[in-house]
Amino acid sequence: MKMYEQILVKALENETVQVVFPNVKLNPTEIVQLNCYQAIEKIRDVLQNEDLEDVDCFMRIEEIVNTLEDLGVDVDGRHDF
């Protein structure tokens, strides 16, 4: 099997690679915009939650940070609390 892989790697080493997601209907910009909009809605909902006491503001910030992290946004190590 190793020789098979070596021959295949050599045969394909100069070929162009194309990644395709056949089920994705949006372009990259539309995907990012949609995810950002959904994140902003979630952040707004967290901040508008009047059921929380002011001492719960920390938890609001935590939820906002988690929302950003869920999107894959790096918060530069600020989330160590």
N, C-alpha and C. Protein backbone atom coordinates (compact mmCIF):
# COMPACT_ATOMS: atom_id res chain seq x y z
N MET A 1 0.82 -1.20 0.00
CA MET A 1 0.00 0.00 0.00
C MET A 1 0.86 1.26 0.00
N LYS A 2 1.99 1.24 0.68
CA LYS A 2 2.85 2.42 0.73
C LYS A 2 3.34 2.80 -0.67
N MET A 3 3.73 1.82 -1.48
CA MET A 3 4.19 2.11 -2.83
C MET A 3 3.06 2.71 -3.66
N TYR A 4 1.85 2.22 -3.47
CA TYR A 4 0.68 2.75 -4.16
C TYR A 4 0.52 4.23 -3.84
N GLU A 5 0.60 4.57 -2.54
CA GLU A 5 0.47 5.96 -2.10
C GLU A 5 1.58 6.83 -2.67
N GLN A 6 2.81 6.32 -2.69
CA GLN A 6 3.93 7.08 -3.22
C GLN A 6 3.75 7.38 -4.71
N ILE A 7 3.30 6.39 -5.45
CA ILE A 7 3.07 6.57 -6.89
C ILE A 7 1.95 7.59 -7.11
N LEU A 8 0.88 7.48 -6.32
CA LEU A 8 -0.25 8.40 -6.44
C LEU A 8 0.16 9.83 -6.09
N VAL A 9 0.91 10.01 -5.01
CA VAL A 9 1.37 11.34 -4.61
C VAL A 9 2.23 11.95 -5.72
N LYS A 10 3.14 11.18 -6.26
CA LYS A 10 4.01 11.68 -7.33
C LYS A 10 3.21 12.06 -8.57
N ALA A 11 2.22 11.24 -8.90
CA ALA A 11 1.42 11.49 -10.09
C ALA A 11 0.55 12.73 -9.94
N LEU A 12 0.17 13.05 -8.72
CA LEU A 12 -0.75 14.17 -8.49
C LEU A 12 -0.09 15.43 -7.96
N GLU A 13 1.22 15.41 -7.71
CA GLU A 13 1.88 16.52 -7.02
C GLU A 13 1.79 17.86 -7.75
N ASN A 14 1.62 17.87 -9.04
CA ASN A 14 1.54 19.12 -9.78
C ASN A 14 0.13 19.49 -10.22
N GLU A 15 -0.83 18.74 -9.74
CA GLU A 15 -2.22 19.00 -10.10
C GLU A 15 -2.81 20.08 -9.19
N THR A 16 -3.77 20.81 -9.72
CA THR A 16 -4.48 21.83 -8.96
C THR A 16 -5.56 21.17 -8.11
N VAL A 17 -5.66 21.64 -6.88
CA VAL A 17 -6.68 21.13 -5.97
C VAL A 17 -7.84 22.12 -5.95
N GLN A 18 -9.05 21.61 -6.05
CA GLN A 18 -10.24 22.45 -5.99
C GLN A 18 -11.18 21.86 -4.94
N VAL A 19 -11.53 22.68 -3.95
CA VAL A 19 -12.45 22.25 -2.91
C VAL A 19 -13.84 22.73 -3.28
N VAL A 20 -14.80 21.83 -3.25
CA VAL A 20 -16.17 22.15 -3.63
C VAL A 20 -17.11 21.68 -2.54
N PHE A 21 -18.06 22.54 -2.19
CA PHE A 21 -19.11 22.20 -1.24
C PHE A 21 -20.43 22.21 -2.02
N PRO A 22 -20.83 21.08 -2.56
CA PRO A 22 -21.97 21.06 -3.48
C PRO A 22 -23.31 21.46 -2.85
N ASN A 23 -23.44 21.36 -1.54
CA ASN A 23 -24.72 21.69 -0.90
C ASN A 23 -24.78 23.13 -0.40
N VAL A 24 -23.69 23.88 -0.52
CA VAL A 24 -23.66 25.27 -0.06
C VAL A 24 -24.21 26.15 -1.17
N LYS A 25 -25.26 26.90 -0.84
CA LYS A 25 -25.94 27.73 -1.85
C LYS A 25 -25.52 29.20 -1.79
N LEU A 26 -24.83 29.61 -0.73
CA LEU A 26 -24.42 31.00 -0.56
C LEU A 26 -22.95 31.16 -0.88
N ASN A 27 -22.58 32.38 -1.28
CA ASN A 27 -21.15 32.64 -1.49
C ASN A 27 -20.52 32.98 -0.14
N PRO A 28 -19.19 32.98 -0.03
CA PRO A 28 -18.53 33.21 1.26
C PRO A 28 -18.97 34.50 1.97
N THR A 29 -19.14 35.58 1.22
CA THR A 29 -19.56 36.84 1.83
C THR A 29 -20.94 36.71 2.44
N GLU A 30 -21.85 36.07 1.74
CA GLU A 30 -23.21 35.88 2.25
C GLU A 30 -23.21 35.00 3.50
N ILE A 31 -22.36 34.00 3.53
CA ILE A 31 -22.27 33.12 4.70
C ILE A 31 -21.81 33.91 5.92
N VAL A 32 -20.76 34.71 5.75
CA VAL A 32 -20.23 35.51 6.86
C VAL A 32 -21.27 36.53 7.31
N GLN A 33 -21.90 37.22 6.37
CA GLN A 33 -22.90 38.23 6.74
C GLN A 33 -24.07 37.60 7.50
N LEU A 34 -24.53 36.46 7.07
CA LEU A 34 -25.63 35.78 7.74
C LEU A 34 -25.24 35.38 9.16
N ASN A 35 -24.04 34.82 9.32
CA ASN A 35 -23.58 34.43 10.64
C ASN A 35 -23.38 35.63 11.56
N CYS A 36 -22.86 36.73 11.00
CA CYS A 36 -22.68 37.95 11.80
C CYS A 36 -24.02 38.51 12.24
N TYR A 37 -24.98 38.54 11.35
CA TYR A 37 -26.30 39.05 11.70
C TYR A 37 -26.93 38.20 12.80
N GLN A 38 -26.81 36.90 12.69
CA GLN A 38 -27.37 36.01 13.71
C GLN A 38 -26.66 36.23 15.05
N ALA A 39 -25.36 36.46 15.02
CA ALA A 39 -24.61 36.72 16.25
C ALA A 39 -25.06 38.03 16.89
N ILE A 40 -25.25 39.06 16.08
CA ILE A 40 -25.70 40.36 16.61
C ILE A 40 -27.08 40.22 17.23
N GLU A 41 -27.96 39.47 16.59
CA GLU A 41 -29.28 39.24 17.18
C GLU A 41 -29.17 38.56 18.54
N LYS A 42 -28.30 37.57 18.64
CA LYS A 42 -28.13 36.85 19.90
C LYS A 42 -27.54 37.77 20.98
N ILE A 43 -26.55 38.60 20.60
CA ILE A 43 -25.96 39.56 21.55
C ILE A 43 -27.02 40.55 22.01
N ARG A 44 -27.83 41.06 21.08
CA ARG A 44 -28.91 41.98 21.44
C ARG A 44 -29.86 41.33 22.43
N ASP A 45 -30.23 40.07 22.18
CA ASP A 45 -31.15 39.36 23.07
C ASP A 45 -30.55 39.20 24.46
N VAL A 46 -29.26 38.94 24.53
CA VAL A 46 -28.59 38.81 25.83
C VAL A 46 -28.66 40.13 26.58
N LEU A 47 -28.34 41.22 25.89
CA LEU A 47 -28.31 42.53 26.55
C LEU A 47 -29.70 43.04 26.92
N GLN A 48 -30.72 42.64 26.19
CA GLN A 48 -32.07 43.09 26.47
C GLN A 48 -32.78 42.25 27.53
N ASN A 49 -32.14 41.20 28.00
CA ASN A 49 -32.77 40.31 28.97
C ASN A 49 -32.92 41.04 30.31
N GLU A 50 -34.11 41.52 30.59
CA GLU A 50 -34.39 42.28 31.81
C GLU A 50 -34.60 41.37 33.02
N ASP A 51 -34.63 40.08 32.81
CA ASP A 51 -34.80 39.14 33.92
C ASP A 51 -33.53 39.02 34.76
N LEU A 52 -32.41 39.48 34.21
CA LEU A 52 -31.14 39.39 34.93
C LEU A 52 -30.92 40.61 35.81
N GLU A 53 -30.39 40.38 36.99
CA GLU A 53 -30.01 41.48 37.89
C GLU A 53 -28.69 42.07 37.39
N ASP A 54 -28.38 43.28 37.86
CA ASP A 54 -27.14 43.91 37.43
C ASP A 54 -25.92 43.06 37.78
N VAL A 55 -26.00 42.32 38.88
CA VAL A 55 -24.86 41.48 39.25
C VAL A 55 -24.66 40.36 38.23
N ASP A 56 -25.66 40.13 37.39
CA ASP A 56 -25.56 39.11 36.36
C ASP A 56 -24.94 39.64 35.07
N CYS A 57 -24.51 40.90 35.07
CA CYS A 57 -23.89 41.48 33.87
C CYS A 57 -22.68 40.67 33.43
N PHE A 58 -21.95 40.14 34.40
CA PHE A 58 -20.81 39.31 34.07
C PHE A 58 -21.24 38.15 33.19
N MET A 59 -22.36 37.55 33.53
CA MET A 59 -22.86 36.42 32.75
C MET A 59 -23.28 36.87 31.36
N ARG A 60 -23.78 38.10 31.24
CA ARG A 60 -24.14 38.63 29.92
C ARG A 60 -22.89 38.75 29.05
N ILE A 61 -21.84 39.30 29.64
CA ILE A 61 -20.59 39.45 28.90
C ILE A 61 -20.05 38.07 28.53
N GLU A 62 -20.12 37.13 29.44
CA GLU A 62 -19.67 35.77 29.17
C GLU A 62 -20.43 35.18 27.98
N GLU A 63 -21.72 35.41 27.93
CA GLU A 63 -22.53 34.87 26.84
C GLU A 63 -22.17 35.53 25.50
N ILE A 64 -21.86 36.83 25.53
CA ILE A 64 -21.43 37.53 24.32
C ILE A 64 -20.11 36.97 23.84
N VAL A 65 -19.17 36.78 24.75
CA VAL A 65 -17.88 36.21 24.38
C VAL A 65 -18.07 34.81 23.80
N ASN A 66 -18.94 34.02 24.43
CA ASN A 66 -19.20 32.68 23.92
C ASN A 66 -19.81 32.72 22.52
N THR A 67 -20.67 33.69 22.27
CA THR A 67 -21.27 33.85 20.95
C THR A 67 -20.19 34.11 19.91
N LEU A 68 -19.25 34.99 20.23
CA LEU A 68 -18.16 35.27 19.31
C LEU A 68 -17.30 34.03 19.10
N GLU A 69 -17.00 33.32 20.18
CA GLU A 69 -16.19 32.12 20.05
C GLU A 69 -16.90 31.04 19.24
N ASP A 70 -18.23 30.95 19.39
CA ASP A 70 -19.00 29.99 18.61
C ASP A 70 -18.88 30.27 17.11
N LEU A 71 -18.69 31.54 16.76
CA LEU A 71 -18.50 31.92 15.36
C LEU A 71 -17.07 31.66 14.88
N GLY A 72 -16.21 31.33 15.84
CA GLY A 72 -14.81 31.13 15.49
C GLY A 72 -13.99 32.39 15.61
N VAL A 73 -14.54 33.43 16.25
CA VAL A 73 -13.83 34.70 16.43
C VAL A 73 -12.92 34.57 17.65
N ASP A 74 -11.63 34.81 17.44
CA ASP A 74 -10.65 34.74 18.52
C ASP A 74 -10.74 36.01 19.35
N VAL A 75 -10.88 35.86 20.66
CA VAL A 75 -10.96 37.03 21.54
C VAL A 75 -9.61 37.30 22.20
N ASP A 76 -8.54 36.83 21.57
CA ASP A 76 -7.16 37.13 21.98
C ASP A 76 -6.86 36.86 23.44
N GLY A 77 -7.29 35.74 23.93
CA GLY A 77 -6.95 35.34 25.29
C GLY A 77 -7.65 36.13 26.38
N ARG A 78 -8.57 36.99 26.01
CA ARG A 78 -9.28 37.79 27.00
C ARG A 78 -10.33 36.97 27.73
N HIS A 79 -10.57 35.77 27.25
CA HIS A 79 -11.62 34.94 27.84
C HIS A 79 -11.01 33.92 28.78
N ASP A 80 -10.30 34.43 29.80
CA ASP A 80 -9.68 33.53 30.77
C ASP A 80 -10.30 33.68 32.16
N PHE A 81 -11.53 34.22 32.19
CA PHE A 81 -12.20 34.43 33.47
C PHE A 81 -13.14 33.30 33.77
